[in-house]
Amino acid sequence: MAPLARLPVFFTLEGRRVVLAGGSEAAAWKAELLAAAGADLIVYAAEFCEDLLALAAAPPAGAITLIVREWTPEDLHGAALAIGALEEEEDCARFRAAAQDAGVPVNVVDKPAYCDFAFGAIVNRSPLVVGISTDGAAPVFGQAVRAKIEAVIPQGFKRWAEAARQWRPAVQALELSYQGRRRFWERFTGAALETPEEEPSEALKAELLADARGARSDTPRGSVALVGAGPGDPELLTLKAVRVLQSADVVLYDDLVAPAVLDVARREARKMLVGKTGYKPSCKQDDINALMVSLARQGKRVVRLKGGDPMVFGRAGEEIAAARLAGLPVEVVPGITAAQGAASRLATSLTHRDHARRLQFITAHARDGKLPRDLDWGALADPAATTVVYMPQRTWAELAGKAMAAGLDPATPAIAIFSATRPQERQVPATVGTLGEALAQAVADGASGPCLVLFGHALGEAPAFAALDADRDAQAAQG
């Protein structure tokens, strides 16, 4: 897990004493939040603003007691939280010290140096509550994020979250297994997402409980899902991929899967690297199949997370066959394949109608690690085709040589792209005849990650080639 600037936690304050020092408008805003959470709020100040007086007369929940005097250290003992709306640095330091002596978490409004915790921006669909923090770095940005979340979370989720709280005792009474409880709440969540503005009905509750009772005596049955992780940018995951990842018990992932994609998976899911790493020690395919089947037979939801699209040079056929042979349900969630990701970053149509009538994907890596023997060299030499070569680094020189011998023009635009769509992406424009040398130099300069080679006259439209042509023209002008 990546480092956190702050730990997001939610305090239970209903009926608990909270101390607030200060009577300003800033104190009134914090008082409203605390009272809305059900706190028994005691406010100390020499005088109170109009907003605080009005709030104390009609709190949203809990109770607000105004005491007309300055706070004392003794007032903080036994409090759940201590909040200071204070101006002077000396007063802030004294309040923090008193809270620490009393063992009470403290927040001094707009004074991060004196705070044990922070108030973030809030999206309120209580009991569904979303808190947003920028660690004080950009409050306006945090508010903008809150506005975005407000726009995508239906108001009706409040009713569904409340229904979940009310239905939970009935679910607990069934004494379901962990898997049974997860399946119940996943079905509940699916209904909420499909009809967020509808009232959760008693009929739905009865249906879900009946299904849970019926499944209670069944032997837990796992499943396998082959999920495309895309080329690396987590924003390119499909919505279905996100949903499946967030319901996984185990994620078996490839070496090519970007760490940011793994962060999308359910936090509690076990994540295991089983990827095939070219020319390095790696898991054998039979071992991956056996592990996948073994975990699913234990009743676990296994996600086989594969870079790009699982059905494009991803050995999906062997894994699907293993799951079916074991009698396990298996589904495939497609992903954006590396070729599509590369094309998006090159901002170039691979099927430009002035240059290409055909698009072909090939692998330059056979089972033995060498160039496949059965490639169609005539098709690769076709001047009206765009070709995408997967796993090309070790065999590109041989592939290019044989394609040129079959008639491919050495001047055909070719580009290698490392880590497409990721922050460390590197584009290497050249020609079919010169790309081998350019590839070697790029690797020597630190280019790393998954690599594709694309060649064909359609690639000449890529902005990267315009820059390359400009460099060549400049060199020619210099002699």
Protein backbone atom coordinates (compact mmCIF):
# COMPACT_ATOMS: atom_id res chain seq x y z
CA MET A 1 0.00 0.00 0.00
CA ALA A 2 1.30 3.46 -0.88
CA PRO A 3 2.10 5.80 2.03
CA LEU A 4 -0.81 7.82 3.46
CA ALA A 5 -0.48 11.47 4.46
CA ARG A 6 -3.26 10.86 7.02
CA LEU A 7 -5.18 7.83 8.25
CA PRO A 8 -8.87 8.27 7.38
CA VAL A 9 -10.90 7.32 10.46
CA PHE A 10 -14.47 7.99 11.59
CA PHE A 11 -15.14 8.75 15.27
CA THR A 12 -18.25 7.44 17.01
CA LEU A 13 -19.46 10.48 18.96
CA GLU A 14 -23.10 9.77 19.74
CA GLY A 15 -23.69 10.57 23.42
CA ARG A 16 -20.00 11.24 24.07
CA ARG A 17 -18.69 14.48 25.54
CA VAL A 18 -16.73 16.71 23.18
CA VAL A 19 -15.14 20.02 24.25
CA LEU A 20 -15.05 23.03 21.95
CA ALA A 21 -13.14 26.15 22.97
CA GLY A 22 -14.19 29.34 21.20
CA GLY A 23 -17.33 31.21 20.20
CA SER A 24 -16.52 32.45 16.67
CA GLU A 25 -18.10 31.56 13.33
CA ALA A 26 -15.32 28.99 12.84
CA ALA A 27 -16.41 27.41 16.14
CA ALA A 28 -20.02 27.40 14.95
CA TRP A 29 -19.14 25.41 11.82
CA LYS A 30 -17.28 22.78 13.83
CA ALA A 31 -20.09 22.72 16.39
CA GLU A 32 -22.61 21.92 13.66
CA LEU A 33 -20.50 18.99 12.43
CA LEU A 34 -19.98 17.61 15.91
CA ALA A 35 -23.61 17.96 16.89
CA ALA A 36 -24.71 16.33 13.62
CA ALA A 37 -22.59 13.33 14.67
CA GLY A 38 -24.58 13.10 17.91
CA ALA A 39 -21.94 14.49 20.26
CA ASP A 40 -22.78 15.90 23.68
CA LEU A 41 -20.97 19.16 22.89
CA ILE A 42 -19.77 21.55 25.59
CA VAL A 43 -18.65 24.95 24.26
CA TYR A 44 -16.56 27.33 26.36
CA ALA A 45 -16.13 31.02 25.42
CA ALA A 46 -16.46 34.50 26.91
CA GLU A 47 -19.02 35.31 24.21
CA PHE A 48 -20.73 33.51 21.33
CA CYS A 49 -21.53 34.57 17.75
CA GLU A 50 -25.12 34.66 16.49
CA ASP A 51 -24.72 31.46 14.46
CA LEU A 52 -23.54 29.52 17.51
CA LEU A 53 -26.41 30.83 19.64
CA ALA A 54 -28.93 29.80 16.99
CA LEU A 55 -27.33 26.40 16.58
CA ALA A 56 -27.40 25.71 20.32
CA ALA A 57 -31.13 26.46 20.32
CA ALA A 58 -31.83 23.91 17.57
CA PRO A 59 -28.93 21.44 17.07
CA PRO A 60 -29.16 18.96 14.16
CA ALA A 61 -28.63 16.08 16.62
CA GLY A 62 -26.92 15.56 19.97
CA ALA A 63 -26.89 18.50 22.38
CA ILE A 64 -24.97 21.76 22.58
CA THR A 65 -24.29 23.40 25.95
CA LEU A 66 -22.82 26.92 25.96
CA ILE A 67 -20.77 27.88 29.03
CA VAL A 68 -19.88 31.56 29.32
CA ARG A 69 -16.28 31.36 30.50
CA GLU A 70 -12.87 30.45 29.17
CA TRP A 71 -11.91 26.79 29.12
CA THR A 72 -9.63 25.24 31.74
CA PRO A 73 -7.39 22.16 31.46
CA GLU A 74 -9.71 20.28 33.83
CA ASP A 75 -12.56 20.68 31.30
CA LEU A 76 -10.76 18.39 28.86
CA HIS A 77 -10.45 15.35 31.11
CA GLY A 78 -12.61 12.45 29.91
CA ALA A 79 -13.57 14.13 26.63
CA ALA A 80 -13.70 12.13 23.41
CA LEU A 81 -12.28 15.03 21.38
CA ALA A 82 -11.01 18.54 22.05
CA ILE A 83 -11.54 21.24 19.41
CA GLY A 84 -10.06 24.72 19.70
CA ALA A 85 -11.25 27.67 17.60
CA LEU A 86 -8.50 29.96 18.87
CA GLU A 87 -6.53 32.79 17.30
CA GLU A 88 -3.40 33.46 19.35
CA GLU A 89 -0.48 31.07 18.94
CA GLU A 90 0.07 31.00 22.69
CA ASP A 91 -3.55 29.97 23.31
CA CYS A 92 -3.31 27.28 20.63
CA ALA A 93 -0.15 25.81 22.11
CA ARG A 94 -1.63 25.84 25.62
CA PHE A 95 -4.84 24.11 24.40
CA ARG A 96 -2.90 21.41 22.59
CA ALA A 97 -0.66 20.78 25.59
CA ALA A 98 -3.68 20.48 27.91
CA ALA A 99 -5.38 18.03 25.53
CA GLN A 100 -2.25 15.91 25.29
CA ASP A 101 -1.90 15.86 29.07
CA ALA A 102 -5.51 14.67 29.28
CA GLY A 103 -4.94 12.03 26.57
CA VAL A 104 -7.57 13.58 24.28
CA PRO A 105 -7.19 13.86 20.46
CA VAL A 106 -7.03 17.55 19.59
CA ASN A 107 -7.78 19.77 16.61
CA VAL A 108 -7.09 23.50 16.54
CA VAL A 109 -9.02 25.07 13.68
CA ASP A 110 -6.78 26.22 10.78
CA LYS A 111 -3.63 25.51 12.84
CA PRO A 112 -2.23 22.22 11.45
CA ALA A 113 0.83 22.32 13.69
CA TYR A 114 -1.42 21.92 16.75
CA CYS A 115 -3.64 19.14 15.36
CA ASP A 116 -3.70 15.38 15.97
CA PHE A 117 -6.40 15.00 13.33
CA ALA A 118 -8.08 17.07 10.62
CA PHE A 119 -11.61 17.73 9.44
CA GLY A 120 -11.92 16.90 5.74
CA ALA A 121 -14.51 17.84 3.16
CA ILE A 122 -17.62 15.66 3.52
CA VAL A 123 -20.12 14.05 1.19
CA ASN A 124 -23.12 13.25 3.36
CA ARG A 125 -25.44 10.38 2.51
CA SER A 126 -25.49 9.28 6.12
CA PRO A 127 -25.05 6.57 7.18
CA LEU A 128 -22.91 6.59 4.02
CA VAL A 129 -20.31 9.32 4.63
CA VAL A 130 -17.34 10.15 2.40
CA GLY A 131 -14.46 12.15 3.86
CA ILE A 132 -11.85 13.90 1.69
CA SER A 133 -8.49 15.22 2.83
CA THR A 134 -5.59 16.89 1.03
CA ASP A 135 -3.52 17.00 4.25
CA GLY A 136 -4.04 20.76 4.30
CA ALA A 137 -2.11 21.17 1.06
CA ALA A 138 -5.01 22.28 -1.16
CA PRO A 139 -8.38 22.82 0.57
CA VAL A 140 -9.94 24.31 -2.59
CA PHE A 141 -8.89 21.22 -4.53
CA GLY A 142 -10.46 19.05 -1.83
CA GLN A 143 -13.71 20.96 -2.19
CA ALA A 144 -13.62 20.46 -5.97
CA VAL A 145 -13.17 16.71 -5.45
CA ARG A 146 -16.09 16.74 -3.03
CA ALA A 147 -18.25 18.44 -5.67
CA LYS A 148 -17.30 15.74 -8.19
CA ILE A 149 -18.22 12.98 -5.77
CA GLU A 150 -21.49 14.73 -4.88
CA ALA A 151 -22.37 14.68 -8.56
CA VAL A 152 -21.87 10.92 -9.00
CA ILE A 153 -23.29 9.55 -5.74
CA PRO A 154 -27.10 9.49 -5.94
CA GLN A 155 -29.06 10.97 -3.06
CA GLY A 156 -30.92 7.67 -2.91
CA PHE A 157 -27.84 5.94 -1.55
CA LYS A 158 -28.81 7.38 1.83
CA ARG A 159 -31.88 5.13 1.86
CA TRP A 160 -29.88 2.08 0.78
CA ALA A 161 -27.22 2.65 3.42
CA GLU A 162 -29.94 2.99 6.06
CA ALA A 163 -31.59 -0.21 4.79
CA ALA A 164 -28.26 -2.03 5.13
CA ARG A 165 -28.08 -0.97 8.77
CA GLN A 166 -31.64 -2.12 9.43
CA TRP A 167 -31.27 -5.44 7.58
CA ARG A 168 -27.94 -6.41 9.15
CA PRO A 169 -29.44 -8.15 12.25
CA ALA A 170 -31.52 -10.40 10.00
CA VAL A 171 -28.43 -11.33 8.00
CA GLN A 172 -26.45 -12.00 11.18
CA ALA A 173 -29.22 -14.27 12.46
CA LEU A 174 -28.67 -16.59 9.48
CA GLU A 175 -25.15 -17.35 10.78
CA LEU A 176 -23.75 -17.39 7.25
CA SER A 177 -20.15 -18.12 6.41
CA TYR A 178 -17.90 -15.22 5.49
CA GLN A 179 -18.44 -16.02 1.81
CA GLY A 180 -22.19 -16.22 2.33
CA ARG A 181 -22.30 -12.80 3.97
CA ARG A 182 -20.20 -11.28 1.19
CA ARG A 183 -22.51 -12.72 -1.47
CA PHE A 184 -25.58 -11.36 0.31
CA TRP A 185 -24.14 -7.85 0.50
CA GLU A 186 -22.81 -7.97 -3.04
CA ARG A 187 -26.30 -8.77 -4.30
CA PHE A 188 -27.68 -5.97 -2.11
CA THR A 189 -25.09 -3.59 -3.54
CA GLY A 190 -25.88 -4.66 -7.10
CA ALA A 191 -29.54 -3.80 -6.52
CA ALA A 192 -28.57 -0.42 -5.04
CA LEU A 193 -26.37 0.43 -8.03
CA GLU A 194 -29.04 -0.60 -10.53
CA THR A 195 -31.91 1.31 -8.88
CA PRO A 196 -30.34 3.92 -6.57
CA GLU A 197 -33.41 6.14 -6.35
CA GLU A 198 -35.85 3.33 -5.51
CA GLU A 199 -36.83 2.57 -1.94
CA PRO A 200 -35.25 -0.72 -0.74
CA SER A 201 -38.30 -2.94 -0.45
CA GLU A 202 -39.32 -5.65 1.97
CA ALA A 203 -39.82 -7.91 -1.05
CA LEU A 204 -36.16 -7.49 -2.01
CA LYS A 205 -35.10 -8.15 1.57
CA ALA A 206 -37.15 -11.37 1.65
CA GLU A 207 -35.72 -12.49 -1.71
CA LEU A 208 -32.10 -11.90 -0.71
CA LEU A 209 -32.56 -13.59 2.67
CA ALA A 210 -34.27 -16.60 1.05
CA ASP A 211 -31.40 -16.98 -1.42
CA ALA A 212 -28.90 -16.76 1.44
CA ARG A 213 -30.74 -19.47 3.39
CA GLY A 214 -30.81 -21.72 0.34
CA ALA A 215 -27.08 -21.30 -0.26
CA ARG A 216 -26.17 -21.79 3.41
CA SER A 217 -25.97 -25.57 3.16
CA ASP A 218 -24.18 -25.59 -0.19
CA THR A 219 -20.49 -26.36 -0.41
CA PRO A 220 -18.73 -23.04 -1.07
CA ARG A 221 -18.00 -22.81 -4.77
CA GLY A 222 -15.33 -20.54 -6.03
CA SER A 223 -14.93 -18.96 -9.42
CA VAL A 224 -12.30 -17.69 -11.83
CA ALA A 225 -12.33 -14.39 -13.68
CA LEU A 226 -9.73 -13.44 -16.26
CA VAL A 227 -9.51 -9.66 -16.11
CA GLY A 228 -7.72 -7.31 -18.48
CA ALA A 229 -5.65 -4.79 -16.56
CA GLY A 230 -5.06 -2.63 -19.63
CA PRO A 231 -1.66 -1.22 -20.58
CA GLY A 232 -0.99 0.41 -17.22
CA ASP A 233 -3.02 3.55 -16.61
CA PRO A 234 -5.61 2.56 -13.97
CA GLU A 235 -8.12 5.02 -15.46
CA LEU A 236 -8.28 2.75 -18.52
CA LEU A 237 -9.79 -0.12 -16.50
CA THR A 238 -13.35 -0.94 -17.47
CA LEU A 239 -16.12 -0.45 -14.93
CA LYS A 240 -16.69 -4.20 -14.89
CA ALA A 241 -12.99 -4.84 -14.22
CA VAL A 242 -13.16 -2.52 -11.22
CA ARG A 243 -16.26 -4.27 -9.88
CA VAL A 244 -14.72 -7.74 -10.24
CA LEU A 245 -11.43 -6.63 -8.66
CA GLN A 246 -13.30 -5.19 -5.70
CA SER A 247 -15.09 -8.49 -5.04
CA ALA A 248 -11.99 -10.70 -5.36
CA ASP A 249 -10.66 -12.93 -2.60
CA VAL A 250 -7.37 -13.58 -4.41
CA VAL A 251 -5.69 -11.69 -7.25
CA LEU A 252 -3.09 -13.60 -9.29
CA TYR A 253 -1.36 -10.90 -11.28
CA ASP A 254 1.20 -10.67 -14.05
CA ASP A 255 4.54 -8.93 -13.81
CA LEU A 256 3.27 -6.54 -16.51
CA VAL A 257 0.41 -5.26 -14.33
CA ALA A 258 1.06 -1.71 -13.09
CA PRO A 259 1.07 -1.24 -9.26
CA ALA A 260 -1.58 1.49 -9.59
CA VAL A 261 -3.98 -1.08 -11.06
CA LEU A 262 -3.49 -3.39 -8.07
CA ASP A 263 -4.52 -0.52 -5.78
CA VAL A 264 -8.02 -0.78 -7.29
CA ALA A 265 -8.50 -4.33 -5.97
CA ARG A 266 -10.23 -5.01 -2.66
CA ARG A 267 -7.83 -4.19 0.16
CA GLU A 268 -8.45 -7.51 1.91
CA ALA A 269 -7.79 -9.57 -1.21
CA ARG A 270 -4.61 -11.63 -1.23
CA LYS A 271 -2.39 -10.46 -4.09
CA MET A 272 0.11 -12.92 -5.57
CA LEU A 273 2.62 -12.25 -8.34
CA VAL A 274 2.55 -15.21 -10.72
CA GLY A 275 3.53 -13.44 -13.93
CA LYS A 276 5.54 -14.83 -16.77
CA THR A 277 8.62 -12.61 -17.00
CA GLY A 278 10.46 -12.87 -20.28
CA TYR A 279 14.00 -14.33 -20.09
CA LYS A 280 13.92 -14.34 -16.28
CA PRO A 281 12.94 -16.91 -13.63
CA SER A 282 9.13 -17.03 -13.54
CA CYS A 283 6.14 -19.22 -12.78
CA LYS A 284 5.40 -22.03 -15.20
CA GLN A 285 2.01 -21.88 -16.87
CA ASP A 286 1.01 -25.29 -15.48
CA ASP A 287 1.82 -24.05 -11.95
CA ILE A 288 -0.30 -20.93 -12.47
CA ASN A 289 -3.20 -23.05 -13.69
CA ALA A 290 -2.91 -25.41 -10.72
CA LEU A 291 -2.77 -22.56 -8.19
CA MET A 292 -5.74 -20.83 -9.77
CA VAL A 293 -7.84 -24.00 -9.69
CA SER A 294 -6.76 -24.93 -6.15
CA LEU A 295 -7.75 -21.54 -4.74
CA ALA A 296 -11.10 -21.53 -6.54
CA ARG A 297 -11.87 -25.03 -5.23
CA GLN A 298 -11.46 -23.61 -1.72
CA GLY A 299 -14.48 -21.42 -2.45
CA LYS A 300 -12.48 -18.30 -3.29
CA ARG A 301 -13.19 -15.78 -5.99
CA VAL A 302 -9.99 -15.82 -8.00
CA VAL A 303 -9.12 -12.99 -10.35
CA ARG A 304 -6.41 -13.73 -12.87
CA LEU A 305 -5.28 -10.19 -13.64
CA LYS A 306 -3.42 -9.90 -16.93
CA GLY A 307 -1.75 -6.95 -18.61
CA GLY A 308 -3.61 -5.52 -21.59
CA ASP A 309 -6.44 -7.78 -22.75
CA PRO A 310 -6.42 -11.38 -21.50
CA MET A 311 -7.47 -12.71 -24.92
CA VAL A 312 -4.55 -11.11 -26.81
CA PHE A 313 -1.27 -13.01 -26.32
CA GLY A 314 -2.22 -13.66 -22.70
CA ARG A 315 -2.38 -17.48 -22.57
CA ALA A 316 -6.05 -17.11 -21.68
CA GLY A 317 -7.01 -20.26 -23.59
CA GLU A 318 -4.93 -22.50 -21.35
CA GLU A 319 -6.31 -20.95 -18.16
CA ILE A 320 -9.91 -21.11 -19.35
CA ALA A 321 -9.43 -24.77 -20.27
CA ALA A 322 -7.97 -25.53 -16.81
CA ALA A 323 -10.92 -23.87 -15.05
CA ARG A 324 -13.49 -25.67 -17.20
CA LEU A 325 -11.76 -29.02 -16.71
CA ALA A 326 -12.05 -28.46 -12.95
CA GLY A 327 -15.77 -27.66 -13.30
CA LEU A 328 -15.31 -24.06 -12.18
CA PRO A 329 -17.32 -21.12 -13.48
CA VAL A 330 -15.06 -18.81 -15.47
CA GLU A 331 -15.68 -15.41 -17.00
CA VAL A 332 -13.54 -13.04 -19.03
CA VAL A 333 -13.49 -9.28 -18.52
CA PRO A 334 -11.83 -7.65 -21.52
CA GLY A 335 -9.27 -4.91 -21.20
CA ILE A 336 -7.70 -2.30 -23.43
CA THR A 337 -4.90 -4.15 -25.15
CA ALA A 338 -1.41 -2.69 -25.28
CA ALA A 339 -1.77 -1.83 -28.98
CA GLN A 340 -4.79 0.34 -28.25
CA GLY A 341 -3.03 2.02 -25.36
CA ALA A 342 0.02 2.71 -27.52
CA ALA A 343 -2.11 4.12 -30.35
CA SER A 344 -3.84 6.47 -27.93
CA ARG A 345 -0.50 7.79 -26.71
CA LEU A 346 0.83 8.15 -30.23
CA ALA A 347 -2.39 9.99 -31.16
CA THR A 348 -2.35 8.06 -34.43
CA SER A 349 -4.94 5.96 -36.21
CA LEU A 350 -3.55 2.52 -36.88
CA THR A 351 -6.04 2.14 -39.75
CA HIS A 352 -5.55 5.54 -41.42
CA ARG A 353 -7.46 5.16 -44.66
CA ASP A 354 -4.73 6.82 -46.73
CA HIS A 355 -2.10 4.33 -45.55
CA ALA A 356 -3.58 1.08 -44.18
CA ARG A 357 -6.25 -1.39 -45.22
CA ARG A 358 -5.32 -3.97 -42.62
CA LEU A 359 -4.22 -4.14 -38.97
CA GLN A 360 -2.35 -7.19 -37.71
CA PHE A 361 -1.06 -8.24 -34.29
CA ILE A 362 1.80 -10.72 -34.07
CA THR A 363 4.07 -12.07 -31.35
CA ALA A 364 7.83 -12.10 -31.78
CA HIS A 365 8.24 -14.60 -28.94
CA ALA A 366 7.50 -18.32 -29.40
CA ARG A 367 7.34 -20.97 -26.66
CA ASP A 368 11.10 -21.45 -26.88
CA GLY A 369 11.76 -17.70 -26.55
CA LYS A 370 12.83 -17.41 -30.18
CA LEU A 371 11.15 -15.80 -33.18
CA PRO A 372 8.16 -17.90 -34.30
CA ARG A 373 8.96 -19.99 -37.37
CA ASP A 374 5.53 -19.73 -39.00
CA LEU A 375 5.13 -15.97 -39.42
CA ASP A 376 3.64 -14.85 -42.76
CA TRP A 377 6.51 -12.79 -44.16
CA GLY A 378 4.50 -11.68 -47.17
CA ALA A 379 1.83 -10.22 -44.89
CA LEU A 380 4.49 -8.48 -42.80
CA ALA A 381 5.97 -6.90 -45.95
CA ASP A 382 2.56 -5.58 -47.09
CA PRO A 383 2.96 -1.77 -47.49
CA ALA A 384 -0.77 -1.25 -46.82
CA ALA A 385 -0.76 -2.97 -43.41
CA THR A 386 -0.08 -1.68 -39.91
CA THR A 387 1.66 -4.28 -37.78
CA VAL A 388 1.87 -4.41 -33.98
CA VAL A 389 4.59 -6.67 -32.61
CA TYR A 390 4.24 -7.98 -29.06
CA MET A 391 7.31 -9.04 -27.04
CA PRO A 392 9.79 -7.82 -29.68
CA GLN A 393 12.93 -6.78 -27.83
CA ARG A 394 15.10 -9.88 -28.16
CA THR A 395 13.99 -10.87 -31.68
CA TRP A 396 13.32 -7.57 -33.45
CA ALA A 397 16.56 -7.51 -35.43
CA GLU A 398 15.88 -10.99 -36.86
CA LEU A 399 12.21 -10.17 -37.55
CA ALA A 400 13.05 -6.92 -39.33
CA GLY A 401 15.76 -8.59 -41.39
CA LYS A 402 13.45 -11.35 -42.63
CA ALA A 403 10.61 -8.92 -43.32
CA MET A 404 12.92 -6.68 -45.36
CA ALA A 405 14.16 -9.74 -47.25
CA ALA A 406 10.50 -10.48 -48.06
CA GLY A 407 10.07 -6.98 -49.51
CA LEU A 408 9.33 -4.66 -46.56
CA ASP A 409 10.74 -1.19 -47.29
CA PRO A 410 13.49 -0.42 -44.74
CA ALA A 411 12.27 3.21 -44.70
CA THR A 412 8.84 2.19 -43.37
CA PRO A 413 8.08 4.17 -40.18
CA ALA A 414 8.52 2.06 -37.04
CA ILE A 415 8.23 3.00 -33.41
CA ALA A 416 8.90 1.21 -30.16
CA ILE A 417 6.94 2.29 -27.13
CA PHE A 418 7.92 1.26 -23.59
CA SER A 419 5.42 1.34 -20.68
CA ALA A 420 2.63 2.80 -22.81
CA THR A 421 0.17 5.00 -20.83
CA ARG A 422 2.35 4.90 -17.70
CA PRO A 423 4.26 7.85 -16.23
CA GLN A 424 7.60 6.37 -17.38
CA GLU A 425 6.42 5.90 -20.99
CA ARG A 426 9.17 6.17 -23.62
CA GLN A 427 8.61 6.47 -27.37
CA VAL A 428 11.41 5.53 -29.79
CA PRO A 429 10.60 6.60 -33.38
CA ALA A 430 12.75 5.27 -36.23
CA THR A 431 12.35 3.18 -39.36
CA VAL A 432 12.20 -0.56 -39.81
CA GLY A 433 15.83 -0.45 -40.92
CA THR A 434 17.11 1.68 -38.01
CA LEU A 435 14.88 0.67 -35.09
CA GLY A 436 17.18 -2.12 -33.90
CA GLU A 437 19.97 0.32 -33.11
CA ALA A 438 17.51 2.85 -31.62
CA LEU A 439 16.00 0.15 -29.39
CA ALA A 440 19.38 -0.86 -28.03
CA GLN A 441 20.26 2.76 -27.29
CA ALA A 442 16.90 3.38 -25.55
CA VAL A 443 17.43 0.37 -23.27
CA ALA A 444 20.96 1.54 -22.51
CA ASP A 445 19.50 4.95 -21.60
CA GLY A 446 17.09 3.36 -19.10
CA ALA A 447 13.90 2.65 -21.07
CA SER A 448 12.04 -0.13 -19.28
CA GLY A 449 8.71 -1.86 -18.90
CA PRO A 450 6.48 -3.63 -21.43
CA CYS A 451 7.58 -2.91 -24.99
CA LEU A 452 5.68 -2.93 -28.29
CA VAL A 453 6.89 -2.23 -31.79
CA LEU A 454 4.50 -0.78 -34.35
CA PHE A 455 5.38 -0.32 -38.02
CA GLY A 456 3.58 0.72 -41.17
CA HIS A 457 3.05 3.88 -43.20
CA ALA A 458 0.10 4.91 -40.97
CA LEU A 459 2.64 5.45 -38.17
CA GLY A 460 4.20 8.25 -40.20
CA GLU A 461 1.30 10.43 -39.08
CA ALA A 462 2.42 10.23 -35.44
CA PRO A 463 3.68 13.49 -33.87
CA ALA A 464 6.79 11.60 -32.71
CA PHE A 465 7.85 11.26 -36.36
CA ALA A 466 7.37 14.95 -37.02
CA ALA A 467 9.86 15.66 -34.24
CA LEU A 468 12.21 13.00 -35.64
CA ASP A 469 12.03 14.54 -39.12
CA ALA A 470 12.77 17.98 -37.66
CA ASP A 471 15.87 16.60 -35.91
CA ARG A 472 17.06 14.99 -39.14
CA ASP A 473 16.52 18.21 -41.08
CA ALA A 474 18.50 20.14 -38.46
CA GLN A 475 21.35 17.64 -38.62
CA ALA A 476 21.38 17.81 -42.42
CA ALA A 477 21.50 21.61 -42.30
CA GLN A 478 24.52 21.41 -40.04
CA GLY A 479 26.32 19.29 -42.61
